[in-house]
Amino acid sequence: MQNTRKLSLRLVLALALSLGLAASVWAQPISKGKGQGLRNLTPEQAGQIFDLKEKFHVDTAGLRKQIMVKEAELAVLWEAEKPDQNAIQAKQKELNALRDQMQEKMTAIMFEAKKIAPDFNMGEGLGRGPGGGGPGNVPPPPAK
């Protein structure tokens, strides 16, 4: 009888502790980290940043598609029974050239966003896309 009470007490304490820990996890703010930079924007700035992001997304759609296709082609080359080193290196060069173009476009959009909101954290508010396709995949410019 004594052992059953001790076991029951331990189970109740373990359950209470578990529920307490779970409650503390759920009580944390949902938007920790991502989007924090948006809180420092005026509504006008937020709208302009949104428009800039949408323009970037549209303007880079073809480039992102090319990157995705080249990545798939590279994967096929690697999966060959006897991978061709020259073909793989050539495909990697093609892919790197496309990624360089994307990087240039990302840098340009970051400068545009900084004109709209100089204190805006570029790594948090512009998002990501396939094939490395969003400004969130590159570090923000160095602080002044």
C-alpha atoms as a PDB file:
ATOM      1  CA  MET A   1       0.000   0.000   0.000  1.00  0.00           C
ATOM      2  CA  GLN A   2       2.813   2.353   0.982  1.00  0.00           C
ATOM      3  CA  ASN A   3       4.658   1.599  -2.291  1.00  0.00           C
ATOM      4  CA  THR A   4       1.537   2.310  -4.333  1.00  0.00           C
ATOM      5  CA  ARG A   5       1.123   5.725  -2.660  1.00  0.00           C
ATOM      6  CA  LYS A   6       4.773   6.597  -3.265  1.00  0.00           C
ATOM      7  CA  LEU A   7       4.469   5.559  -6.899  1.00  0.00           C
ATOM      8  CA  SER A   8       1.250   7.564  -7.315  1.00  0.00           C
ATOM      9  CA  LEU A   9       2.844  10.601  -5.691  1.00  0.00           C
ATOM     10  CA  ARG A  10       5.868  10.335  -7.982  1.00  0.00           C
ATOM     11  CA  LEU A  11       3.649  10.048 -11.051  1.00  0.00           C
ATOM     12  CA  VAL A  12       1.595  13.088 -10.005  1.00  0.00           C
ATOM     13  CA  LEU A  13       4.761  15.118  -9.374  1.00  0.00           C
ATOM     14  CA  ALA A  14       6.284  14.047 -12.681  1.00  0.00           C
ATOM     15  CA  LEU A  15       3.070  14.959 -14.496  1.00  0.00           C
ATOM     16  CA  ALA A  16       2.896  18.356 -12.773  1.00  0.00           C
ATOM     17  CA  LEU A  17       6.524  19.063 -13.624  1.00  0.00           C
ATOM     18  CA  SER A  18       6.004  18.017 -17.244  1.00  0.00           C
ATOM     19  CA  LEU A  19       2.906  20.176 -17.606  1.00  0.00           C
ATOM     20  CA  GLY A  20       4.730  23.113 -16.048  1.00  0.00           C
ATOM     21  CA  LEU A  21       7.599  22.803 -18.497  1.00  0.00           C
ATOM     22  CA  ALA A  22       5.241  22.409 -21.440  1.00  0.00           C
ATOM     23  CA  ALA A  23       3.286  25.487 -20.389  1.00  0.00           C
ATOM     24  CA  SER A  24       6.452  27.578 -20.217  1.00  0.00           C
ATOM     25  CA  VAL A  25       7.387  26.533 -23.746  1.00  0.00           C
ATOM     26  CA  TRP A  26       3.952  27.366 -25.151  1.00  0.00           C
ATOM     27  CA  ALA A  27       3.885  30.707 -23.340  1.00  0.00           C
ATOM     28  CA  GLN A  28       6.793  32.112 -25.394  1.00  0.00           C
ATOM     29  CA  PRO A  29       5.985  34.580 -28.184  1.00  0.00           C
ATOM     30  CA  ILE A  30       5.301  32.948 -31.537  1.00  0.00           C
ATOM     31  CA  SER A  31       7.292  35.385 -33.668  1.00  0.00           C
ATOM     32  CA  LYS A  32      10.635  35.057 -31.949  1.00  0.00           C
ATOM     33  CA  GLY A  33      13.388  35.970 -34.381  1.00  0.00           C
ATOM     34  CA  LYS A  34      11.822  35.937 -37.833  1.00  0.00           C
ATOM     35  CA  GLY A  35      10.060  39.170 -38.648  1.00  0.00           C
ATOM     36  CA  GLN A  36      11.397  41.066 -35.637  1.00  0.00           C
ATOM     37  CA  GLY A  37      12.898  43.660 -38.007  1.00  0.00           C
ATOM     38  CA  LEU A  38       9.404  44.411 -39.297  1.00  0.00           C
ATOM     39  CA  ARG A  39       8.373  45.799 -35.917  1.00  0.00           C
ATOM     40  CA  ASN A  40      10.643  48.814 -36.418  1.00  0.00           C
ATOM     41  CA  LEU A  41       8.989  49.833 -39.689  1.00  0.00           C
ATOM     42  CA  THR A  42       6.284  52.406 -40.199  1.00  0.00           C
ATOM     43  CA  PRO A  43       3.228  51.116 -42.064  1.00  0.00           C
ATOM     44  CA  GLU A  44       4.393  53.030 -45.155  1.00  0.00           C
ATOM     45  CA  GLN A  45       7.862  51.470 -44.954  1.00  0.00           C
ATOM     46  CA  ALA A  46       6.372  48.004 -44.451  1.00  0.00           C
ATOM     47  CA  GLY A  47       4.277  48.457 -47.593  1.00  0.00           C
ATOM     48  CA  GLN A  48       7.283  49.634 -49.587  1.00  0.00           C
ATOM     49  CA  ILE A  49       9.416  46.713 -48.370  1.00  0.00           C
ATOM     50  CA  PHE A  50       6.601  44.325 -49.278  1.00  0.00           C
ATOM     51  CA  ASP A  51       6.384  45.809 -52.782  1.00  0.00           C
ATOM     52  CA  LEU A  52      10.155  45.565 -53.143  1.00  0.00           C
ATOM     53  CA  LYS A  53      10.079  41.915 -52.075  1.00  0.00           C
ATOM     54  CA  GLU A  54       7.304  41.117 -54.537  1.00  0.00           C
ATOM     55  CA  LYS A  55       9.141  42.870 -57.383  1.00  0.00           C
ATOM     56  CA  PHE A  56      12.296  40.907 -56.562  1.00  0.00           C
ATOM     57  CA  HIS A  57      10.336  37.657 -56.518  1.00  0.00           C
ATOM     58  CA  VAL A  58       8.820  38.359 -59.945  1.00  0.00           C
ATOM     59  CA  ASP A  59      12.069  39.674 -61.438  1.00  0.00           C
ATOM     60  CA  THR A  60      14.042  36.617 -60.352  1.00  0.00           C
ATOM     61  CA  ALA A  61      11.517  33.909 -61.202  1.00  0.00           C
ATOM     62  CA  GLY A  62      13.315  32.921 -64.412  1.00  0.00           C
ATOM     63  CA  LEU A  63      16.687  32.920 -62.713  1.00  0.00           C
ATOM     64  CA  ARG A  64      15.396  30.809 -59.821  1.00  0.00           C
ATOM     65  CA  LYS A  65      13.929  28.357 -62.343  1.00  0.00           C
ATOM     66  CA  GLN A  66      17.257  28.110 -64.183  1.00  0.00           C
ATOM     67  CA  ILE A  67      19.056  27.471 -60.886  1.00  0.00           C
ATOM     68  CA  MET A  68      16.604  24.711 -59.984  1.00  0.00           C
ATOM     69  CA  VAL A  69      16.985  23.072 -63.416  1.00  0.00           C
ATOM     70  CA  LYS A  70      20.802  23.232 -63.242  1.00  0.00           C
ATOM     71  CA  GLU A  71      20.738  21.731 -59.745  1.00  0.00           C
ATOM     72  CA  ALA A  72      18.616  18.845 -61.058  1.00  0.00           C
ATOM     73  CA  GLU A  73      20.948  18.377 -64.040  1.00  0.00           C
ATOM     74  CA  LEU A  74      23.935  18.326 -61.694  1.00  0.00           C
ATOM     75  CA  ALA A  75      22.244  15.722 -59.493  1.00  0.00           C
ATOM     76  CA  VAL A  76      21.681  13.509 -62.554  1.00  0.00           C
ATOM     77  CA  LEU A  77      25.362  13.821 -63.494  1.00  0.00           C
ATOM     78  CA  TRP A  78      26.393  12.763 -60.000  1.00  0.00           C
ATOM     79  CA  GLU A  79      24.040   9.767 -60.055  1.00  0.00           C
ATOM     80  CA  ALA A  80      25.625   8.287 -63.181  1.00  0.00           C
ATOM     81  CA  GLU A  81      27.291   4.922 -62.767  1.00  0.00           C
ATOM     82  CA  LYS A  82      30.619   6.570 -63.646  1.00  0.00           C
ATOM     83  CA  PRO A  83      30.265  10.317 -62.972  1.00  0.00           C
ATOM     84  CA  ASP A  84      32.068  12.465 -65.563  1.00  0.00           C
ATOM     85  CA  GLN A  85      34.270  14.908 -63.675  1.00  0.00           C
ATOM     86  CA  ASN A  86      34.530  17.363 -66.587  1.00  0.00           C
ATOM     87  CA  ALA A  87      30.775  17.412 -67.147  1.00  0.00           C
ATOM     88  CA  ILE A  88      30.136  17.914 -63.425  1.00  0.00           C
ATOM     89  CA  GLN A  89      32.643  20.766 -63.180  1.00  0.00           C
ATOM     90  CA  ALA A  90      31.165  22.430 -66.275  1.00  0.00           C
ATOM     91  CA  LYS A  91      27.657  22.165 -64.796  1.00  0.00           C
ATOM     92  CA  GLN A  92      28.910  23.561 -61.488  1.00  0.00           C
ATOM     93  CA  LYS A  93      30.371  26.557 -63.353  1.00  0.00           C
ATOM     94  CA  GLU A  94      27.010  27.145 -65.031  1.00  0.00           C
ATOM     95  CA  LEU A  95      25.253  26.898 -61.681  1.00  0.00           C
ATOM     96  CA  ASN A  96      27.768  29.212 -60.001  1.00  0.00           C
ATOM     97  CA  ALA A  97      27.298  31.816 -62.754  1.00  0.00           C
ATOM     98  CA  LEU A  98      23.530  31.765 -62.118  1.00  0.00           C
ATOM     99  CA  ARG A  99      24.073  32.011 -58.364  1.00  0.00           C
ATOM    100  CA  ASP A 100      26.395  34.978 -58.924  1.00  0.00           C
ATOM    101  CA  GLN A 101      23.620  36.696 -60.883  1.00  0.00           C
ATOM    102  CA  MET A 102      21.201  36.010 -58.034  1.00  0.00           C
ATOM    103  CA  GLN A 103      23.693  37.382 -55.513  1.00  0.00           C
ATOM    104  CA  GLU A 104      24.034  40.598 -57.525  1.00  0.00           C
ATOM    105  CA  LYS A 105      20.259  40.990 -57.602  1.00  0.00           C
ATOM    106  CA  MET A 106      20.025  40.318 -53.865  1.00  0.00           C
ATOM    107  CA  THR A 107      22.673  42.929 -53.120  1.00  0.00           C
ATOM    108  CA  ALA A 108      20.833  45.482 -55.263  1.00  0.00           C
ATOM    109  CA  ILE A 109      17.533  44.848 -53.483  1.00  0.00           C
ATOM    110  CA  MET A 110      19.201  45.133 -50.093  1.00  0.00           C
ATOM    111  CA  PHE A 111      20.476  48.575 -50.989  1.00  0.00           C
ATOM    112  CA  GLU A 112      16.975  49.544 -52.150  1.00  0.00           C
ATOM    113  CA  ALA A 113      15.476  48.338 -48.874  1.00  0.00           C
ATOM    114  CA  LYS A 114      18.109  50.271 -46.906  1.00  0.00           C
ATOM    115  CA  LYS A 115      17.008  53.443 -48.741  1.00  0.00           C
ATOM    116  CA  ILE A 116      13.441  52.812 -47.555  1.00  0.00           C
ATOM    117  CA  ALA A 117      14.331  51.880 -43.977  1.00  0.00           C
ATOM    118  CA  PRO A 118      18.004  52.355 -42.988  1.00  0.00           C
ATOM    119  CA  ASP A 119      17.595  50.403 -39.721  1.00  0.00           C
ATOM    120  CA  PHE A 120      15.734  47.478 -41.313  1.00  0.00           C
ATOM    121  CA  ASN A 121      17.432  44.113 -40.678  1.00  0.00           C
ATOM    122  CA  MET A 122      17.796  42.639 -44.141  1.00  0.00           C
ATOM    123  CA  GLY A 123      18.268  39.072 -42.897  1.00  0.00           C
ATOM    124  CA  GLU A 124      14.865  38.974 -41.215  1.00  0.00           C
ATOM    125  CA  GLY A 125      12.309  40.635 -43.403  1.00  0.00           C
ATOM    126  CA  LEU A 126      12.790  39.780 -47.050  1.00  0.00           C
ATOM    127  CA  GLY A 127      12.361  36.017 -47.027  1.00  0.00           C
ATOM    128  CA  ARG A 128      13.839  33.123 -48.969  1.00  0.00           C
ATOM    129  CA  GLY A 129      13.179  31.351 -52.211  1.00  0.00           C
ATOM    130  CA  PRO A 130      14.153  28.159 -54.036  1.00  0.00           C
ATOM    131  CA  GLY A 131      17.698  27.820 -55.252  1.00  0.00           C
ATOM    132  CA  GLY A 132      18.954  30.259 -52.637  1.00  0.00           C
ATOM    133  CA  GLY A 133      16.540  32.726 -54.136  1.00  0.00           C
ATOM    134  CA  GLY A 134      15.901  35.252 -51.416  1.00  0.00           C
ATOM    135  CA  PRO A 135      17.800  37.967 -49.669  1.00  0.00           C
ATOM    136  CA  GLY A 136      17.410  36.155 -46.387  1.00  0.00           C
ATOM    137  CA  ASN A 137      20.057  33.694 -47.547  1.00  0.00           C
ATOM    138  CA  VAL A 138      22.846  36.228 -47.495  1.00  0.00           C
ATOM    139  CA  PRO A 139      24.215  38.086 -44.526  1.00  0.00           C
ATOM    140  CA  PRO A 140      23.137  41.697 -44.090  1.00  0.00           C
ATOM    141  CA  PRO A 141      25.574  44.408 -45.135  1.00  0.00           C
ATOM    142  CA  PRO A 142      28.120  45.389 -42.478  1.00  0.00           C
ATOM    143  CA  ALA A 143      26.912  47.843 -39.834  1.00  0.00           C
ATOM    144  CA  LYS A 144      28.014  51.440 -40.176  1.00  0.00           C
END
